[in-house]
């Protein structure tokens, strides 16, 4: 499996000079695309265009907020529909930073449903994006099934 030096970006970074990103040795950029079913990162298109124009590989992630299976499937479809014609160079990622009120089994099951729904819609695999504590305490029994990206 290839390894790349990469970063994740979202509206929190504001405008980004992707020429400088490339010059810093970054090879891949994961861009936040969506959250829930009503939020598109306002920088999604400009980040995508800037990264591509500078020869960077691009991936996308979704911030999962669902509390039911139906909501989870809707969020997977929303993510795919939002990306439209933008092409990914790598697998997708699902950001699991919002456990609020769910037990570990429910939290893990919703993540699994999202990943499986995404795969059925796009035939593209997905990895889990989580904090160290979420990975260690909330998803421990679930992690061996999918690649893990630990936020640092």
C-alpha atoms as a PDB file:
ATOM      1  CA  UNK A   1       0.000   0.000   0.000  1.00  0.00           C
ATOM      2  CA  UNK A   2       1.328   3.426  -0.947  1.00  0.00           C
ATOM      3  CA  UNK A   3       1.935   6.046   1.722  1.00  0.00           C
ATOM      4  CA  UNK A   4       1.503   9.755   1.132  1.00  0.00           C
ATOM      5  CA  UNK A   5       2.184  12.850   3.181  1.00  0.00           C
ATOM      6  CA  UNK A   6      -1.150  14.550   3.535  1.00  0.00           C
ATOM      7  CA  UNK A   7      -3.424  16.986   5.294  1.00  0.00           C
ATOM      8  CA  UNK A   8      -7.133  17.400   5.848  1.00  0.00           C
ATOM      9  CA  UNK A   9      -8.814  20.717   5.199  1.00  0.00           C
ATOM     10  CA  UNK A  10     -12.162  22.316   5.917  1.00  0.00           C
ATOM     11  CA  UNK A  11     -13.651  25.775   6.212  1.00  0.00           C
ATOM     12  CA  UNK A  12     -11.664  26.216   9.451  1.00  0.00           C
ATOM     13  CA  UNK A  13      -8.512  26.804   7.363  1.00  0.00           C
ATOM     14  CA  UNK A  14     -10.075  29.529   5.212  1.00  0.00           C
ATOM     15  CA  UNK A  15      -8.346  30.333   1.924  1.00  0.00           C
ATOM     16  CA  UNK A  16      -5.414  28.035   1.180  1.00  0.00           C
ATOM     17  CA  UNK A  17      -2.499  28.582  -1.183  1.00  0.00           C
ATOM     18  CA  UNK A  18      -2.158  25.088  -2.642  1.00  0.00           C
ATOM     19  CA  UNK A  19       1.081  26.027  -4.395  1.00  0.00           C
ATOM     20  CA  UNK A  20       2.633  26.466  -0.943  1.00  0.00           C
ATOM     21  CA  UNK A  21       1.008  23.228   0.222  1.00  0.00           C
ATOM     22  CA  UNK A  22       2.663  21.382  -2.662  1.00  0.00           C
ATOM     23  CA  UNK A  23       6.014  23.113  -2.010  1.00  0.00           C
ATOM     24  CA  UNK A  24       5.823  21.943   1.626  1.00  0.00           C
ATOM     25  CA  UNK A  25       5.916  18.334   0.433  1.00  0.00           C
ATOM     26  CA  UNK A  26       2.248  17.541   0.838  1.00  0.00           C
ATOM     27  CA  UNK A  27       1.048  14.967  -1.697  1.00  0.00           C
ATOM     28  CA  UNK A  28      -2.584  14.385  -0.772  1.00  0.00           C
ATOM     29  CA  UNK A  29      -5.382  16.589   0.540  1.00  0.00           C
ATOM     30  CA  UNK A  30      -8.524  15.241   2.196  1.00  0.00           C
ATOM     31  CA  UNK A  31     -11.310  17.794   1.873  1.00  0.00           C
ATOM     32  CA  UNK A  32     -14.363  17.981   4.112  1.00  0.00           C
ATOM     33  CA  UNK A  33     -17.311  17.825   1.764  1.00  0.00           C
ATOM     34  CA  UNK A  34     -20.407  17.510   3.904  1.00  0.00           C
ATOM     35  CA  UNK A  35     -21.906  17.229   7.370  1.00  0.00           C
ATOM     36  CA  UNK A  36     -25.337  15.787   8.050  1.00  0.00           C
ATOM     37  CA  UNK A  37     -27.745  16.334   5.155  1.00  0.00           C
ATOM     38  CA  UNK A  38     -27.795  20.104   5.050  1.00  0.00           C
ATOM     39  CA  UNK A  39     -24.199  21.319   5.133  1.00  0.00           C
ATOM     40  CA  UNK A  40     -21.680  21.593   2.316  1.00  0.00           C
ATOM     41  CA  UNK A  41     -18.278  22.984   3.219  1.00  0.00           C
ATOM     42  CA  UNK A  42     -18.196  26.418   1.552  1.00  0.00           C
ATOM     43  CA  UNK A  43     -14.599  25.828   0.398  1.00  0.00           C
ATOM     44  CA  UNK A  44     -15.229  22.373  -1.115  1.00  0.00           C
ATOM     45  CA  UNK A  45     -15.059  23.409  -4.766  1.00  0.00           C
ATOM     46  CA  UNK A  46     -12.244  25.946  -4.389  1.00  0.00           C
ATOM     47  CA  UNK A  47     -10.142  23.484  -2.368  1.00  0.00           C
ATOM     48  CA  UNK A  48     -10.753  20.773  -4.951  1.00  0.00           C
ATOM     49  CA  UNK A  49      -9.816  23.065  -7.838  1.00  0.00           C
ATOM     50  CA  UNK A  50      -6.737  24.398  -6.035  1.00  0.00           C
ATOM     51  CA  UNK A  51      -5.443  20.974  -5.059  1.00  0.00           C
ATOM     52  CA  UNK A  52      -5.999  19.518  -8.533  1.00  0.00           C
ATOM     53  CA  UNK A  53      -4.400  22.522 -10.231  1.00  0.00           C
ATOM     54  CA  UNK A  54      -1.258  21.870  -8.188  1.00  0.00           C
ATOM     55  CA  UNK A  55      -1.076  18.162  -8.948  1.00  0.00           C
ATOM     56  CA  UNK A  56      -2.134  17.021  -5.481  1.00  0.00           C
ATOM     57  CA  UNK A  57      -4.109  13.859  -4.904  1.00  0.00           C
ATOM     58  CA  UNK A  58      -7.571  14.545  -3.501  1.00  0.00           C
ATOM     59  CA  UNK A  59      -9.820  12.630  -1.118  1.00  0.00           C
ATOM     60  CA  UNK A  60     -13.082  13.596   0.551  1.00  0.00           C
ATOM     61  CA  UNK A  61     -14.653  13.096   3.946  1.00  0.00           C
ATOM     62  CA  UNK A  62     -18.089  13.402   5.533  1.00  0.00           C
ATOM     63  CA  UNK A  63     -18.819  14.347   9.152  1.00  0.00           C
ATOM     64  CA  UNK A  64     -21.429  11.841  10.338  1.00  0.00           C
ATOM     65  CA  UNK A  65     -24.181  13.224  12.585  1.00  0.00           C
ATOM     66  CA  UNK A  66     -26.842  10.534  12.085  1.00  0.00           C
ATOM     67  CA  UNK A  67     -28.694   8.915  14.972  1.00  0.00           C
ATOM     68  CA  UNK A  68     -30.740   6.355  12.999  1.00  0.00           C
ATOM     69  CA  UNK A  69     -30.142   3.958  10.125  1.00  0.00           C
ATOM     70  CA  UNK A  70     -32.395   6.026   7.849  1.00  0.00           C
ATOM     71  CA  UNK A  71     -30.464   9.219   8.623  1.00  0.00           C
ATOM     72  CA  UNK A  72     -27.181   7.393   8.041  1.00  0.00           C
ATOM     73  CA  UNK A  73     -28.227   6.208   4.575  1.00  0.00           C
ATOM     74  CA  UNK A  74     -29.510   9.701   3.735  1.00  0.00           C
ATOM     75  CA  UNK A  75     -26.166  11.207   4.752  1.00  0.00           C
ATOM     76  CA  UNK A  76     -24.263   8.758   2.536  1.00  0.00           C
ATOM     77  CA  UNK A  77     -26.457   9.706  -0.433  1.00  0.00           C
ATOM     78  CA  UNK A  78     -26.091  13.420   0.362  1.00  0.00           C
ATOM     79  CA  UNK A  79     -22.302  13.077   0.426  1.00  0.00           C
ATOM     80  CA  UNK A  80     -22.231  11.280  -2.941  1.00  0.00           C
ATOM     81  CA  UNK A  81     -24.705  13.693  -4.537  1.00  0.00           C
ATOM     82  CA  UNK A  82     -22.727  16.701  -3.290  1.00  0.00           C
ATOM     83  CA  UNK A  83     -19.475  15.439  -4.816  1.00  0.00           C
ATOM     84  CA  UNK A  84     -21.151  15.220  -8.204  1.00  0.00           C
ATOM     85  CA  UNK A  85     -18.463  15.127 -10.883  1.00  0.00           C
ATOM     86  CA  UNK A  86     -15.534  15.758  -8.553  1.00  0.00           C
ATOM     87  CA  UNK A  87     -13.237  12.763  -8.725  1.00  0.00           C
ATOM     88  CA  UNK A  88     -11.475  11.187  -5.770  1.00  0.00           C
ATOM     89  CA  UNK A  89      -7.952   9.824  -6.037  1.00  0.00           C
ATOM     90  CA  UNK A  90      -8.341   7.645  -2.961  1.00  0.00           C
ATOM     91  CA  UNK A  91     -10.856   6.033  -0.662  1.00  0.00           C
ATOM     92  CA  UNK A  92     -13.406   8.155   1.174  1.00  0.00           C
ATOM     93  CA  UNK A  93     -13.324   8.893   4.898  1.00  0.00           C
ATOM     94  CA  UNK A  94     -16.100   9.207   7.453  1.00  0.00           C
ATOM     95  CA  UNK A  95     -15.374  11.538  10.370  1.00  0.00           C
ATOM     96  CA  UNK A  96     -16.711   9.975  13.570  1.00  0.00           C
ATOM     97  CA  UNK A  97     -16.399  12.927  15.905  1.00  0.00           C
ATOM     98  CA  UNK A  98     -20.041  13.087  16.978  1.00  0.00           C
ATOM     99  CA  UNK A  99     -21.065  10.194  19.249  1.00  0.00           C
ATOM    100  CA  UNK A 100     -23.507  12.320  21.285  1.00  0.00           C
ATOM    101  CA  UNK A 101     -25.930  10.070  23.156  1.00  0.00           C
ATOM    102  CA  UNK A 102     -25.090   6.819  21.361  1.00  0.00           C
ATOM    103  CA  UNK A 103     -23.633   3.759  23.030  1.00  0.00           C
ATOM    104  CA  UNK A 104     -20.539   2.199  21.482  1.00  0.00           C
ATOM    105  CA  UNK A 105     -22.432  -0.534  19.632  1.00  0.00           C
ATOM    106  CA  UNK A 106     -24.945   1.885  18.083  1.00  0.00           C
ATOM    107  CA  UNK A 107     -22.193   4.332  17.191  1.00  0.00           C
ATOM    108  CA  UNK A 108     -20.166   1.601  15.491  1.00  0.00           C
ATOM    109  CA  UNK A 109     -23.211   0.213  13.691  1.00  0.00           C
ATOM    110  CA  UNK A 110     -24.113   3.594  12.204  1.00  0.00           C
ATOM    111  CA  UNK A 111     -20.534   3.988  10.995  1.00  0.00           C
ATOM    112  CA  UNK A 112     -20.695   0.528   9.427  1.00  0.00           C
ATOM    113  CA  UNK A 113     -24.006   1.346   7.705  1.00  0.00           C
ATOM    114  CA  UNK A 114     -22.572   4.594   6.326  1.00  0.00           C
ATOM    115  CA  UNK A 115     -19.495   2.826   4.948  1.00  0.00           C
ATOM    116  CA  UNK A 116     -21.543   0.022   3.395  1.00  0.00           C
ATOM    117  CA  UNK A 117     -24.058   2.441   1.873  1.00  0.00           C
ATOM    118  CA  UNK A 118     -21.238   4.532   0.417  1.00  0.00           C
ATOM    119  CA  UNK A 119     -19.658   1.420  -1.093  1.00  0.00           C
ATOM    120  CA  UNK A 120     -22.971   0.347  -2.645  1.00  0.00           C
ATOM    121  CA  UNK A 121     -23.504   3.823  -4.138  1.00  0.00           C
ATOM    122  CA  UNK A 122     -19.983   4.384  -5.497  1.00  0.00           C
ATOM    123  CA  UNK A 123     -18.018   1.125  -5.355  1.00  0.00           C
ATOM    124  CA  UNK A 124     -15.360   3.112  -3.468  1.00  0.00           C
ATOM    125  CA  UNK A 125     -14.083   1.990  -0.065  1.00  0.00           C
ATOM    126  CA  UNK A 126     -14.117   4.182   3.015  1.00  0.00           C
ATOM    127  CA  UNK A 127     -11.921   4.583   6.073  1.00  0.00           C
ATOM    128  CA  UNK A 128     -12.719   5.813   9.557  1.00  0.00           C
ATOM    129  CA  UNK A 129     -11.429   9.226  10.608  1.00  0.00           C
ATOM    130  CA  UNK A 130     -11.477   9.607  14.389  1.00  0.00           C
ATOM    131  CA  UNK A 131      -9.672  11.072  17.345  1.00  0.00           C
ATOM    132  CA  UNK A 132      -7.370   8.867  19.364  1.00  0.00           C
ATOM    133  CA  UNK A 133      -9.878   8.649  22.231  1.00  0.00           C
ATOM    134  CA  UNK A 134     -12.785   7.807  19.916  1.00  0.00           C
ATOM    135  CA  UNK A 135     -10.739   5.092  18.249  1.00  0.00           C
ATOM    136  CA  UNK A 136      -9.471   3.689  21.536  1.00  0.00           C
ATOM    137  CA  UNK A 137     -12.629   3.825  23.655  1.00  0.00           C
ATOM    138  CA  UNK A 138     -15.659   4.035  21.359  1.00  0.00           C
ATOM    139  CA  UNK A 139     -14.721   1.919  18.346  1.00  0.00           C
ATOM    140  CA  UNK A 140     -12.196  -0.596  19.673  1.00  0.00           C
ATOM    141  CA  UNK A 141     -14.147  -3.744  18.655  1.00  0.00           C
ATOM    142  CA  UNK A 142     -15.033  -2.285  15.263  1.00  0.00           C
ATOM    143  CA  UNK A 143     -11.728  -0.888  14.044  1.00  0.00           C
ATOM    144  CA  UNK A 144     -10.186  -4.039  12.608  1.00  0.00           C
ATOM    145  CA  UNK A 145     -12.793  -4.065   9.824  1.00  0.00           C
ATOM    146  CA  UNK A 146     -11.837  -0.765   8.186  1.00  0.00           C
ATOM    147  CA  UNK A 147      -8.734   1.371   7.690  1.00  0.00           C
ATOM    148  CA  UNK A 148      -8.253   3.985  10.388  1.00  0.00           C
ATOM    149  CA  UNK A 149      -7.028   7.555  10.099  1.00  0.00           C
ATOM    150  CA  UNK A 150      -6.309   9.011  13.536  1.00  0.00           C
ATOM    151  CA  UNK A 151      -6.643  12.770  13.769  1.00  0.00           C
ATOM    152  CA  UNK A 152      -3.569  14.445  15.200  1.00  0.00           C
END
